[in-house]
Amino acid sequence: MVPIFFLAGAPAVGKSTSARALAAHFPKSIHISVDTIRDMVISGVLHPSGNWSPGLIEQLALARESTMQMALSYNQAGFVVVIDDFWDPNSRLLEYKLLFQRPNVYKVLLFPSQ
């Protein structure tokens, strides 16, 4: 079974850089960044701040659902998938619960020291 890697962490810890480097080690791979999926929203995008509004929570859930579906489709086609997303203290990434139950999913938390 081809693996799916899930990298999470705080902003600017190197998630995207690490994800791209990891994906490059495989002959058939894709890097899916939740930030890139969210950047597809042209009007009305909401960004995390001190106030996690219902609209922001909905947009994050949509982006994560889209990421999951995309990951499963590519994985089924034989691609190693590397997802990167930021640690969300509100949902604690529970949107990925079904993905995390799969035996071929490896979770990595990037938590660098100072």
PDB file of N, CA and C in Angstrom:
ATOM      1  N   MET A   1       0.844  -1.170   0.000  1.00  0.00           N
ATOM      2  CA  MET A   1       0.000   0.000   0.000  1.00  0.00           C
ATOM      3  C   MET A   1       0.899   1.246   0.000  1.00  0.00           C
ATOM      4  N   VAL A   2       0.615   2.181  -0.876  1.00  0.00           N
ATOM      5  CA  VAL A   2       1.402   3.397  -1.026  1.00  0.00           C
ATOM      6  C   VAL A   2       1.081   4.343   0.137  1.00  0.00           C
ATOM      7  N   PRO A   3       2.106   4.964   0.740  1.00  0.00           N
ATOM      8  CA  PRO A   3       1.857   5.784   1.923  1.00  0.00           C
ATOM      9  C   PRO A   3       1.272   7.169   1.633  1.00  0.00           C
ATOM     10  N   ILE A   4       0.616   7.685   2.659  1.00  0.00           N
ATOM     11  CA  ILE A   4       0.190   9.079   2.726  1.00  0.00           C
ATOM     12  C   ILE A   4       0.857   9.646   3.968  1.00  0.00           C
ATOM     13  N   PHE A   5       1.585  10.742   3.801  1.00  0.00           N
ATOM     14  CA  PHE A   5       2.227  11.413   4.924  1.00  0.00           C
ATOM     15  C   PHE A   5       1.456  12.690   5.222  1.00  0.00           C
ATOM     16  N   PHE A   6       1.267  12.961   6.488  1.00  0.00           N
ATOM     17  CA  PHE A   6       0.563  14.163   6.921  1.00  0.00           C
ATOM     18  C   PHE A   6       1.485  14.938   7.841  1.00  0.00           C
ATOM     19  N   LEU A   7       1.897  16.135   7.413  1.00  0.00           N
ATOM     20  CA  LEU A   7       2.771  16.984   8.201  1.00  0.00           C
ATOM     21  C   LEU A   7       1.973  18.159   8.749  1.00  0.00           C
ATOM     22  N   ALA A   8       2.099  18.399  10.040  1.00  0.00           N
ATOM     23  CA  ALA A   8       1.398  19.515  10.679  1.00  0.00           C
ATOM     24  C   ALA A   8       2.365  20.242  11.596  1.00  0.00           C
ATOM     25  N   GLY A   9       2.030  21.486  11.883  1.00  0.00           N
ATOM     26  CA  GLY A   9       2.841  22.281  12.794  1.00  0.00           C
ATOM     27  C   GLY A   9       2.404  23.725  12.754  1.00  0.00           C
ATOM     28  N   ALA A  10       3.084  24.533  13.513  1.00  0.00           N
ATOM     29  CA  ALA A  10       2.785  25.963  13.574  1.00  0.00           C
ATOM     30  C   ALA A  10       3.205  26.638  12.265  1.00  0.00           C
ATOM     31  N   PRO A  11       2.717  27.845  12.015  1.00  0.00           N
ATOM     32  CA  PRO A  11       3.157  28.580  10.836  1.00  0.00           C
ATOM     33  C   PRO A  11       4.683  28.787  10.844  1.00  0.00           C
ATOM     34  N   ALA A  12       5.272  28.694   9.672  1.00  0.00           N
ATOM     35  CA  ALA A  12       6.694  28.998   9.444  1.00  0.00           C
ATOM     36  C   ALA A  12       7.670  28.028  10.099  1.00  0.00           C
ATOM     37  N   VAL A  13       7.249  26.776  10.342  1.00  0.00           N
ATOM     38  CA  VAL A  13       8.187  25.792  10.894  1.00  0.00           C
ATOM     39  C   VAL A  13       8.813  24.926   9.802  1.00  0.00           C
ATOM     40  N   GLY A  14       8.418  25.151   8.557  1.00  0.00           N
ATOM     41  CA  GLY A  14       9.007  24.398   7.459  1.00  0.00           C
ATOM     42  C   GLY A  14       8.159  23.258   6.940  1.00  0.00           C
ATOM     43  N   LYS A  15       6.857  23.329   7.155  1.00  0.00           N
ATOM     44  CA  LYS A  15       5.969  22.238   6.715  1.00  0.00           C
ATOM     45  C   LYS A  15       6.025  22.050   5.207  1.00  0.00           C
ATOM     46  N   SER A  16       5.838  23.116   4.457  1.00  0.00           N
ATOM     47  CA  SER A  16       5.808  23.001   2.993  1.00  0.00           C
ATOM     48  C   SER A  16       7.166  22.586   2.444  1.00  0.00           C
ATOM     49  N   THR A  17       8.229  23.167   2.975  1.00  0.00           N
ATOM     50  CA  THR A  17       9.583  22.795   2.533  1.00  0.00           C
ATOM     51  C   THR A  17       9.861  21.331   2.819  1.00  0.00           C
ATOM     52  N   SER A  18       9.512  20.889   4.016  1.00  0.00           N
ATOM     53  CA  SER A  18       9.721  19.486   4.381  1.00  0.00           C
ATOM     54  C   SER A  18       8.852  18.561   3.547  1.00  0.00           C
ATOM     55  N   ALA A  19       7.605  18.959   3.311  1.00  0.00           N
ATOM     56  CA  ALA A  19       6.689  18.133   2.522  1.00  0.00           C
ATOM     57  C   ALA A  19       7.191  17.969   1.093  1.00  0.00           C
ATOM     58  N   ARG A  20       7.646  19.051   0.487  1.00  0.00           N
ATOM     59  CA  ARG A  20       8.157  18.972  -0.884  1.00  0.00           C
ATOM     60  C   ARG A  20       9.420  18.107  -0.944  1.00  0.00           C
ATOM     61  N   ALA A  21      10.292  18.259   0.043  1.00  0.00           N
ATOM     62  CA  ALA A  21      11.523  17.458   0.076  1.00  0.00           C
ATOM     63  C   ALA A  21      11.194  15.974   0.255  1.00  0.00           C
ATOM     64  N   LEU A  22      10.241  15.662   1.117  1.00  0.00           N
ATOM     65  CA  LEU A  22       9.841  14.275   1.318  1.00  0.00           C
ATOM     66  C   LEU A  22       9.236  13.703   0.039  1.00  0.00           C
ATOM     67  N   ALA A  23       8.341  14.441  -0.579  1.00  0.00           N
ATOM     68  CA  ALA A  23       7.697  13.970  -1.819  1.00  0.00           C
ATOM     69  C   ALA A  23       8.728  13.719  -2.919  1.00  0.00           C
ATOM     70  N   ALA A  24       9.777  14.505  -2.943  1.00  0.00           N
ATOM     71  CA  ALA A  24      10.803  14.373  -3.990  1.00  0.00           C
ATOM     72  C   ALA A  24      11.567  13.050  -3.900  1.00  0.00           C
ATOM     73  N   HIS A  25      11.474  12.365  -2.776  1.00  0.00           N
ATOM     74  CA  HIS A  25      12.179  11.085  -2.611  1.00  0.00           C
ATOM     75  C   HIS A  25      11.479   9.920  -3.311  1.00  0.00           C
ATOM     76  N   PHE A  26      10.308  10.135  -3.848  1.00  0.00           N
ATOM     77  CA  PHE A  26       9.539   9.055  -4.456  1.00  0.00           C
ATOM     78  C   PHE A  26       9.374   9.314  -5.950  1.00  0.00           C
ATOM     79  N   PRO A  27       9.356   8.261  -6.752  1.00  0.00           N
ATOM     80  CA  PRO A  27       9.237   8.452  -8.205  1.00  0.00           C
ATOM     81  C   PRO A  27       7.858   8.944  -8.652  1.00  0.00           C
ATOM     82  N   LYS A  28       6.835   8.749  -7.826  1.00  0.00           N
ATOM     83  CA  LYS A  28       5.471   9.162  -8.179  1.00  0.00           C
ATOM     84  C   LYS A  28       4.828   9.723  -6.917  1.00  0.00           C
ATOM     85  N   SER A  29       4.782  11.060  -6.819  1.00  0.00           N
ATOM     86  CA  SER A  29       4.302  11.676  -5.583  1.00  0.00           C
ATOM     87  C   SER A  29       3.617  13.004  -5.866  1.00  0.00           C
ATOM     88  N   ILE A  30       2.867  13.465  -4.868  1.00  0.00           N
ATOM     89  CA  ILE A  30       2.209  14.772  -4.927  1.00  0.00           C
ATOM     90  C   ILE A  30       2.274  15.405  -3.542  1.00  0.00           C
ATOM     91  N   HIS A  31       2.502  16.704  -3.535  1.00  0.00           N
ATOM     92  CA  HIS A  31       2.458  17.493  -2.298  1.00  0.00           C
ATOM     93  C   HIS A  31       1.181  18.307  -2.349  1.00  0.00           C
ATOM     94  N   ILE A  32       0.341  18.154  -1.335  1.00  0.00           N
ATOM     95  CA  ILE A  32      -0.902  18.924  -1.249  1.00  0.00           C
ATOM     96  C   ILE A  32      -0.815  19.819  -0.021  1.00  0.00           C
ATOM     97  N   SER A  33      -0.828  21.112  -0.257  1.00  0.00           N
ATOM     98  CA  SER A  33      -0.782  22.089   0.820  1.00  0.00           C
ATOM     99  C   SER A  33      -2.184  22.644   1.041  1.00  0.00           C
ATOM    100  N   VAL A  34      -2.670  22.575   2.270  1.00  0.00           N
ATOM    101  CA  VAL A  34      -3.987  23.129   2.573  1.00  0.00           C
ATOM    102  C   VAL A  34      -3.995  24.635   2.313  1.00  0.00           C
ATOM    103  N   ASP A  35      -2.856  25.299   2.545  1.00  0.00           N
ATOM    104  CA  ASP A  35      -2.777  26.735   2.241  1.00  0.00           C
ATOM    105  C   ASP A  35      -3.017  26.996   0.764  1.00  0.00           C
ATOM    106  N   THR A  36      -2.500  26.145  -0.103  1.00  0.00           N
ATOM    107  CA  THR A  36      -2.704  26.309  -1.539  1.00  0.00           C
ATOM    108  C   THR A  36      -4.173  26.114  -1.900  1.00  0.00           C
ATOM    109  N   ILE A  37      -4.814  25.134  -1.293  1.00  0.00           N
ATOM    110  CA  ILE A  37      -6.247  24.916  -1.528  1.00  0.00           C
ATOM    111  C   ILE A  37      -7.026  26.153  -1.068  1.00  0.00           C
ATOM    112  N   ARG A  38      -6.673  26.678   0.094  1.00  0.00           N
ATOM    113  CA  ARG A  38      -7.363  27.867   0.609  1.00  0.00           C
ATOM    114  C   ARG A  38      -7.094  29.106  -0.253  1.00  0.00           C
ATOM    115  N   ASP A  39      -5.921  29.168  -0.881  1.00  0.00           N
ATOM    116  CA  ASP A  39      -5.600  30.293  -1.766  1.00  0.00           C
ATOM    117  C   ASP A  39      -6.470  30.310  -3.025  1.00  0.00           C
ATOM    118  N   MET A  40      -7.168  29.238  -3.293  1.00  0.00           N
ATOM    119  CA  MET A  40      -8.051  29.179  -4.462  1.00  0.00           C
ATOM    120  C   MET A  40      -9.317  30.002  -4.257  1.00  0.00           C
ATOM    121  N   VAL A  41      -9.630  30.327  -3.009  1.00  0.00           N
ATOM    122  CA  VAL A  41     -10.802  31.166  -2.727  1.00  0.00           C
ATOM    123  C   VAL A  41     -10.460  32.587  -3.173  1.00  0.00           C
ATOM    124  N   ILE A  42     -11.249  33.126  -4.072  1.00  0.00           N
ATOM    125  CA  ILE A  42     -10.981  34.450  -4.631  1.00  0.00           C
ATOM    126  C   ILE A  42     -11.631  35.552  -3.805  1.00  0.00           C
ATOM    127  N   SER A  43     -12.870  35.376  -3.442  1.00  0.00           N
ATOM    128  CA  SER A  43     -13.580  36.403  -2.681  1.00  0.00           C
ATOM    129  C   SER A  43     -14.140  35.791  -1.402  1.00  0.00           C
ATOM    130  N   GLY A  44     -14.011  36.528  -0.308  1.00  0.00           N
ATOM    131  CA  GLY A  44     -14.610  36.088   0.941  1.00  0.00           C
ATOM    132  C   GLY A  44     -13.739  35.195   1.791  1.00  0.00           C
ATOM    133  N   VAL A  45     -12.466  35.056   1.439  1.00  0.00           N
ATOM    134  CA  VAL A  45     -11.596  34.195   2.239  1.00  0.00           C
ATOM    135  C   VAL A  45     -11.412  34.785   3.635  1.00  0.00           C
ATOM    136  N   LEU A  46     -11.407  33.907   4.614  1.00  0.00           N
ATOM    137  CA  LEU A  46     -11.198  34.294   6.002  1.00  0.00           C
ATOM    138  C   LEU A  46      -9.917  33.631   6.498  1.00  0.00           C
ATOM    139  N   HIS A  47      -9.116  34.395   7.237  1.00  0.00           N
ATOM    140  CA  HIS A  47      -7.839  33.874   7.737  1.00  0.00           C
ATOM    141  C   HIS A  47      -7.888  33.745   9.253  1.00  0.00           C
ATOM    142  N   PRO A  48      -7.160  32.755   9.791  1.00  0.00           N
ATOM    143  CA  PRO A  48      -7.124  32.589  11.237  1.00  0.00           C
ATOM    144  C   PRO A  48      -6.617  33.863  11.925  1.00  0.00           C
ATOM    145  N   SER A  49      -7.240  34.166  13.028  1.00  0.00           N
ATOM    146  CA  SER A  49      -6.834  35.300  13.866  1.00  0.00           C
ATOM    147  C   SER A  49      -7.276  34.975  15.281  1.00  0.00           C
ATOM    148  N   GLY A  50      -7.389  35.981  16.094  1.00  0.00           N
ATOM    149  CA  GLY A  50      -7.843  35.754  17.462  1.00  0.00           C
ATOM    150  C   GLY A  50      -9.280  35.279  17.540  1.00  0.00           C
ATOM    151  N   ASN A  51     -10.074  35.584  16.511  1.00  0.00           N
ATOM    152  CA  ASN A  51     -11.489  35.218  16.482  1.00  0.00           C
ATOM    153  C   ASN A  51     -11.731  34.151  15.414  1.00  0.00           C
ATOM    154  N   TRP A  52     -12.030  32.946  15.839  1.00  0.00           N
ATOM    155  CA  TRP A  52     -12.323  31.865  14.903  1.00  0.00           C
ATOM    156  C   TRP A  52     -13.828  31.869  14.650  1.00  0.00           C
ATOM    157  N   SER A  53     -14.219  32.570  13.608  1.00  0.00           N
ATOM    158  CA  SER A  53     -15.633  32.716  13.277  1.00  0.00           C
ATOM    159  C   SER A  53     -16.183  31.423  12.667  1.00  0.00           C
ATOM    160  N   PRO A  54     -17.504  31.278  12.672  1.00  0.00           N
ATOM    161  CA  PRO A  54     -18.109  30.113  12.002  1.00  0.00           C
ATOM    162  C   PRO A  54     -17.722  30.044  10.516  1.00  0.00           C
ATOM    163  N   GLY A  55     -17.596  31.191   9.876  1.00  0.00           N
ATOM    164  CA  GLY A  55     -17.199  31.205   8.466  1.00  0.00           C
ATOM    165  C   GLY A  55     -15.804  30.662   8.260  1.00  0.00           C
ATOM    166  N   LEU A  56     -14.862  31.035   9.117  1.00  0.00           N
ATOM    167  CA  LEU A  56     -13.497  30.525   9.030  1.00  0.00           C
ATOM    168  C   LEU A  56     -13.480  29.018   9.260  1.00  0.00           C
ATOM    169  N   ILE A  57     -14.207  28.570  10.260  1.00  0.00           N
ATOM    170  CA  ILE A  57     -14.267  27.135  10.569  1.00  0.00           C
ATOM    171  C   ILE A  57     -14.836  26.369   9.377  1.00  0.00           C
ATOM    172  N   GLU A  58     -15.861  26.923   8.739  1.00  0.00           N
ATOM    173  CA  GLU A  58     -16.437  26.284   7.546  1.00  0.00           C
ATOM    174  C   GLU A  58     -15.418  26.226   6.412  1.00  0.00           C
ATOM    175  N   GLN A  59     -14.695  27.313   6.180  1.00  0.00           N
ATOM    176  CA  GLN A  59     -13.708  27.324   5.097  1.00  0.00           C
ATOM    177  C   GLN A  59     -12.579  26.332   5.344  1.00  0.00           C
ATOM    178  N   LEU A  60     -12.132  26.230   6.583  1.00  0.00           N
ATOM    179  CA  LEU A  60     -11.093  25.249   6.899  1.00  0.00           C
ATOM    180  C   LEU A  60     -11.606  23.831   6.691  1.00  0.00           C
ATOM    181  N   ALA A  61     -12.833  23.570   7.109  1.00  0.00           N
ATOM    182  CA  ALA A  61     -13.412  22.233   6.925  1.00  0.00           C
ATOM    183  C   ALA A  61     -13.525  21.888   5.439  1.00  0.00           C
ATOM    184  N   LEU A  62     -13.947  22.854   4.623  1.00  0.00           N
ATOM    185  CA  LEU A  62     -14.045  22.624   3.178  1.00  0.00           C
ATOM    186  C   LEU A  62     -12.677  22.338   2.563  1.00  0.00           C
ATOM    187  N   ALA A  63     -11.684  23.123   2.947  1.00  0.00           N
ATOM    188  CA  ALA A  63     -10.330  22.917   2.411  1.00  0.00           C
ATOM    189  C   ALA A  63      -9.784  21.563   2.825  1.00  0.00           C
ATOM    190  N   ARG A  64     -10.029  21.180   4.053  1.00  0.00           N
ATOM    191  CA  ARG A  64      -9.518  19.894   4.533  1.00  0.00           C
ATOM    192  C   ARG A  64     -10.260  18.727   3.904  1.00  0.00           C
ATOM    193  N   GLU A  65     -11.551  18.854   3.694  1.00  0.00           N
ATOM    194  CA  GLU A  65     -12.309  17.803   2.995  1.00  0.00           C
ATOM    195  C   GLU A  65     -11.807  17.667   1.563  1.00  0.00           C
ATOM    196  N   SER A  66     -11.583  18.786   0.890  1.00  0.00           N
ATOM    197  CA  SER A  66     -11.063  18.761  -0.486  1.00  0.00           C
ATOM    198  C   SER A  66      -9.677  18.120  -0.521  1.00  0.00           C
ATOM    199  N   THR A  67      -8.848  18.469   0.446  1.00  0.00           N
ATOM    200  CA  THR A  67      -7.501  17.895   0.535  1.00  0.00           C
ATOM    201  C   THR A  67      -7.575  16.386   0.720  1.00  0.00           C
ATOM    202  N   MET A  68      -8.463  15.945   1.599  1.00  0.00           N
ATOM    203  CA  MET A  68      -8.604  14.512   1.857  1.00  0.00           C
ATOM    204  C   MET A  68      -9.046  13.762   0.600  1.00  0.00           C
ATOM    205  N   GLN A  69     -10.049  14.298  -0.086  1.00  0.00           N
ATOM    206  CA  GLN A  69     -10.541  13.641  -1.299  1.00  0.00           C
ATOM    207  C   GLN A  69      -9.459  13.588  -2.374  1.00  0.00           C
ATOM    208  N   MET A  70      -8.744  14.681  -2.525  1.00  0.00           N
ATOM    209  CA  MET A  70      -7.654  14.740  -3.498  1.00  0.00           C
ATOM    210  C   MET A  70      -6.560  13.734  -3.140  1.00  0.00           C
ATOM    211  N   ALA A  71      -6.216  13.678  -1.874  1.00  0.00           N
ATOM    212  CA  ALA A  71      -5.186  12.743  -1.416  1.00  0.00           C
ATOM    213  C   ALA A  71      -5.587  11.303  -1.690  1.00  0.00           C
ATOM    214  N   LEU A  72      -6.817  10.961  -1.383  1.00  0.00           N
ATOM    215  CA  LEU A  72      -7.283   9.582  -1.607  1.00  0.00           C
ATOM    216  C   LEU A  72      -7.314   9.237  -3.085  1.00  0.00           C
ATOM    217  N   SER A  73      -7.724  10.176  -3.919  1.00  0.00           N
ATOM    218  CA  SER A  73      -7.758   9.926  -5.365  1.00  0.00           C
ATOM    219  C   SER A  73      -6.359   9.682  -5.922  1.00  0.00           C
ATOM    220  N   TYR A  74      -5.420  10.551  -5.564  1.00  0.00           N
ATOM    221  CA  TYR A  74      -4.040  10.375  -6.045  1.00  0.00           C
ATOM    222  C   TYR A  74      -3.413   9.118  -5.469  1.00  0.00           C
ATOM    223  N   ASN A  75      -3.677   8.838  -4.200  1.00  0.00           N
ATOM    224  CA  ASN A  75      -3.125   7.653  -3.569  1.00  0.00           C
ATOM    225  C   ASN A  75      -3.642   6.391  -4.236  1.00  0.00           C
ATOM    226  N   GLN A  76      -4.925   6.386  -4.567  1.00  0.00           N
ATOM    227  CA  GLN A  76      -5.506   5.233  -5.255  1.00  0.00           C
ATOM    228  C   GLN A  76      -4.852   5.017  -6.619  1.00  0.00           C
ATOM    229  N   ALA A  77      -4.382   6.095  -7.228  1.00  0.00           N
ATOM    230  CA  ALA A  77      -3.702   6.007  -8.526  1.00  0.00           C
ATOM    231  C   ALA A  77      -2.218   5.662  -8.373  1.00  0.00           C
ATOM    232  N   GLY A  78      -1.775   5.401  -7.144  1.00  0.00           N
ATOM    233  CA  GLY A  78      -0.407   4.957  -6.923  1.00  0.00           C
ATOM    234  C   GLY A  78       0.576   6.047  -6.544  1.00  0.00           C
ATOM    235  N   PHE A  79       0.097   7.233  -6.233  1.00  0.00           N
ATOM    236  CA  PHE A  79       0.976   8.316  -5.825  1.00  0.00           C
ATOM    237  C   PHE A  79       1.216   8.284  -4.319  1.00  0.00           C
ATOM    238  N   VAL A  80       2.453   8.524  -3.920  1.00  0.00           N
ATOM    239  CA  VAL A  80       2.729   8.830  -2.522  1.00  0.00           C
ATOM    240  C   VAL A  80       2.221  10.248  -2.323  1.00  0.00           C
ATOM    241  N   VAL A  81       1.431  10.460  -1.278  1.00  0.00           N
ATOM    242  CA  VAL A  81       0.840  11.768  -1.009  1.00  0.00           C
ATOM    243  C   VAL A  81       1.486  12.350   0.238  1.00  0.00           C
ATOM    244  N   VAL A  82       1.832  13.639   0.139  1.00  0.00           N
ATOM    245  CA  VAL A  82       2.359  14.354   1.300  1.00  0.00           C
ATOM    246  C   VAL A  82       1.492  15.597   1.481  1.00  0.00           C
ATOM    247  N   ILE A  83       0.759  15.628   2.587  1.00  0.00           N
ATOM    248  CA  ILE A  83      -0.135  16.743   2.912  1.00  0.00           C
ATOM    249  C   ILE A  83       0.554  17.620   3.948  1.00  0.00           C
ATOM    250  N   ASP A  84       0.420  18.942   3.801  1.00  0.00           N
ATOM    251  CA  ASP A  84       0.847  19.797   4.903  1.00  0.00           C
ATOM    252  C   ASP A  84      -0.292  20.726   5.294  1.00  0.00           C
ATOM    253  N   ASP A  85      -0.448  20.874   6.593  1.00  0.00           N
ATOM    254  CA  ASP A  85      -1.504  21.709   7.166  1.00  0.00           C
ATOM    255  C   ASP A  85      -0.995  22.271   8.485  1.00  0.00           C
ATOM    256  N   PHE A  86      -1.585  23.353   8.933  1.00  0.00           N
ATOM    257  CA  PHE A  86      -1.167  23.934  10.206  1.00  0.00           C
ATOM    258  C   PHE A  86      -1.952  23.306  11.349  1.00  0.00           C
ATOM    259  N   TRP A  87      -1.309  23.262  12.508  1.00  0.00           N
ATOM    260  CA  TRP A  87      -1.983  22.741  13.701  1.00  0.00           C
ATOM    261  C   TRP A  87      -3.090  23.707  14.078  1.00  0.00           C
ATOM    262  N   ASP A  88      -4.282  23.185  14.201  1.00  0.00           N
ATOM    263  CA  ASP A  88      -5.472  23.970  14.508  1.00  0.00           C
ATOM    264  C   ASP A  88      -5.930  23.603  15.919  1.00  0.00           C
ATOM    265  N   PRO A  89      -5.728  24.492  16.890  1.00  0.00           N
ATOM    266  CA  PRO A  89      -6.103  24.146  18.265  1.00  0.00           C
ATOM    267  C   PRO A  89      -7.608  24.041  18.480  1.00  0.00           C
ATOM    268  N   ASN A  90      -8.395  24.577  17.553  1.00  0.00           N
ATOM    269  CA  ASN A  90      -9.848  24.511  17.704  1.00  0.00           C
ATOM    270  C   ASN A  90     -10.395  23.150  17.308  1.00  0.00           C
ATOM    271  N   SER A  91     -10.055  22.688  16.115  1.00  0.00           N
ATOM    272  CA  SER A  91     -10.574  21.388  15.670  1.00  0.00           C
ATOM    273  C   SER A  91      -9.636  20.242  16.014  1.00  0.00           C
ATOM    274  N   ARG A  92      -8.374  20.598  16.321  1.00  0.00           N
ATOM    275  CA  ARG A  92      -7.340  19.596  16.581  1.00  0.00           C
ATOM    276  C   ARG A  92      -7.225  18.618  15.421  1.00  0.00           C
ATOM    277  N   LEU A  93      -7.536  19.126  14.222  1.00  0.00           N
ATOM    278  CA  LEU A  93      -7.442  18.388  12.959  1.00  0.00           C
ATOM    279  C   LEU A  93      -8.368  17.176  12.904  1.00  0.00           C
ATOM    280  N   LEU A  94      -9.463  17.221  13.639  1.00  0.00           N
ATOM    281  CA  LEU A  94     -10.422  16.112  13.631  1.00  0.00           C
ATOM    282  C   LEU A  94     -11.113  15.954  12.282  1.00  0.00           C
ATOM    283  N   GLU A  95     -11.006  16.963  11.409  1.00  0.00           N
ATOM    284  CA  GLU A  95     -11.582  16.820  10.062  1.00  0.00           C
ATOM    285  C   GLU A  95     -10.922  15.669   9.302  1.00  0.00           C
ATOM    286  N   TYR A  96      -9.722  15.290   9.719  1.00  0.00           N
ATOM    287  CA  TYR A  96      -8.979  14.215   9.052  1.00  0.00           C
ATOM    288  C   TYR A  96      -9.178  12.849   9.709  1.00  0.00           C
ATOM    289  N   LYS A  97     -10.135  12.733  10.591  1.00  0.00           N
ATOM    290  CA  LYS A  97     -10.314  11.500  11.367  1.00  0.00           C
ATOM    291  C   LYS A  97     -10.370  10.255  10.480  1.00  0.00           C
ATOM    292  N   LEU A  98     -11.156  10.293   9.426  1.00  0.00           N
ATOM    293  CA  LEU A  98     -11.267   9.123   8.540  1.00  0.00           C
ATOM    294  C   LEU A  98      -9.948   8.818   7.841  1.00  0.00           C
ATOM    295  N   LEU A  99      -9.232   9.849   7.452  1.00  0.00           N
ATOM    296  CA  LEU A  99      -7.934   9.653   6.812  1.00  0.00           C
ATOM    297  C   LEU A  99      -6.951   9.024   7.791  1.00  0.00           C
ATOM    298  N   PHE A 100      -6.948   9.513   9.025  1.00  0.00           N
ATOM    299  CA  PHE A 100      -5.999   9.022  10.026  1.00  0.00           C
ATOM    300  C   PHE A 100      -6.263   7.581  10.440  1.00  0.00           C
ATOM    301  N   GLN A 101      -7.431   7.053  10.142  1.00  0.00           N
ATOM    302  CA  GLN A 101      -7.747   5.661  10.473  1.00  0.00           C
ATOM    303  C   GLN A 101      -7.167   4.676   9.463  1.00  0.00           C
ATOM    304  N   ARG A 102      -6.702   5.189   8.343  1.00  0.00           N
ATOM    305  CA  ARG A 102      -6.150   4.314   7.309  1.00  0.00           C
ATOM    306  C   ARG A 102      -4.759   3.820   7.733  1.00  0.00           C
ATOM    307  N   PRO A 103      -4.439   2.553   7.431  1.00  0.00           N
ATOM    308  CA  PRO A 103      -3.162   1.996   7.888  1.00  0.00           C
ATOM    309  C   PRO A 103      -1.938   2.568   7.176  1.00  0.00           C
ATOM    310  N   ASN A 104      -2.122   3.206   6.036  1.00  0.00           N
ATOM    311  CA  ASN A 104      -0.981   3.711   5.275  1.00  0.00           C
ATOM    312  C   ASN A 104      -0.710   5.194   5.509  1.00  0.00           C
ATOM    313  N   VAL A 105      -1.332   5.784   6.540  1.00  0.00           N
ATOM    314  CA  VAL A 105      -1.158   7.209   6.825  1.00  0.00           C
ATOM    315  C   VAL A 105      -0.178   7.388   7.981  1.00  0.00           C
ATOM    316  N   TYR A 106       0.826   8.231   7.750  1.00  0.00           N
ATOM    317  CA  TYR A 106       1.857   8.520   8.739  1.00  0.00           C
ATOM    318  C   TYR A 106       1.768   9.995   9.122  1.00  0.00           C
ATOM    319  N   LYS A 107       1.578  10.265  10.396  1.00  0.00           N
ATOM    320  CA  LYS A 107       1.426  11.636  10.890  1.00  0.00           C
ATOM    321  C   LYS A 107       2.750  12.129  11.464  1.00  0.00           C
ATOM    322  N   VAL A 108       3.099  13.361  11.081  1.00  0.00           N
ATOM    323  CA  VAL A 108       4.327  13.983  11.565  1.00  0.00           C
ATOM    324  C   VAL A 108       3.988  15.361  12.094  1.00  0.00           C
ATOM    325  N   LEU A 109       4.372  15.632  13.332  1.00  0.00           N
ATOM    326  CA  LEU A 109       4.181  16.964  13.909  1.00  0.00           C
ATOM    327  C   LEU A 109       5.547  17.639  13.943  1.00  0.00           C
ATOM    328  N   LEU A 110       5.660  18.762  13.231  1.00  0.00           N
ATOM    329  CA  LEU A 110       6.909  19.520  13.241  1.00  0.00           C
ATOM    330  C   LEU A 110       6.840  20.497  14.414  1.00  0.00           C
ATOM    331  N   PHE A 111       7.755  20.320  15.339  1.00  0.00           N
ATOM    332  CA  PHE A 111       7.765  21.112  16.561  1.00  0.00           C
ATOM    333  C   PHE A 111       9.224  21.426  16.904  1.00  0.00           C
ATOM    334  N   PRO A 112       9.815  22.370  16.152  1.00  0.00           N
ATOM    335  CA  PRO A 112      11.245  22.645  16.366  1.00  0.00           C
ATOM    336  C   PRO A 112      11.489  23.373  17.688  1.00  0.00           C
ATOM    337  N   SER A 113      12.631  23.125  18.255  1.00  0.00           N
ATOM    338  CA  SER A 113      12.998  23.868  19.456  1.00  0.00           C
ATOM    339  C   SER A 113      13.596  25.205  19.026  1.00  0.00           C
ATOM    340  N   GLN A 114      13.730  26.113  19.983  1.00  0.00           N
ATOM    341  CA  GLN A 114      14.312  27.408  19.666  1.00  0.00           C
ATOM    342  C   GLN A 114      15.750  27.222  19.304  1.00  0.00           C
TER     343      GLN A 114
END
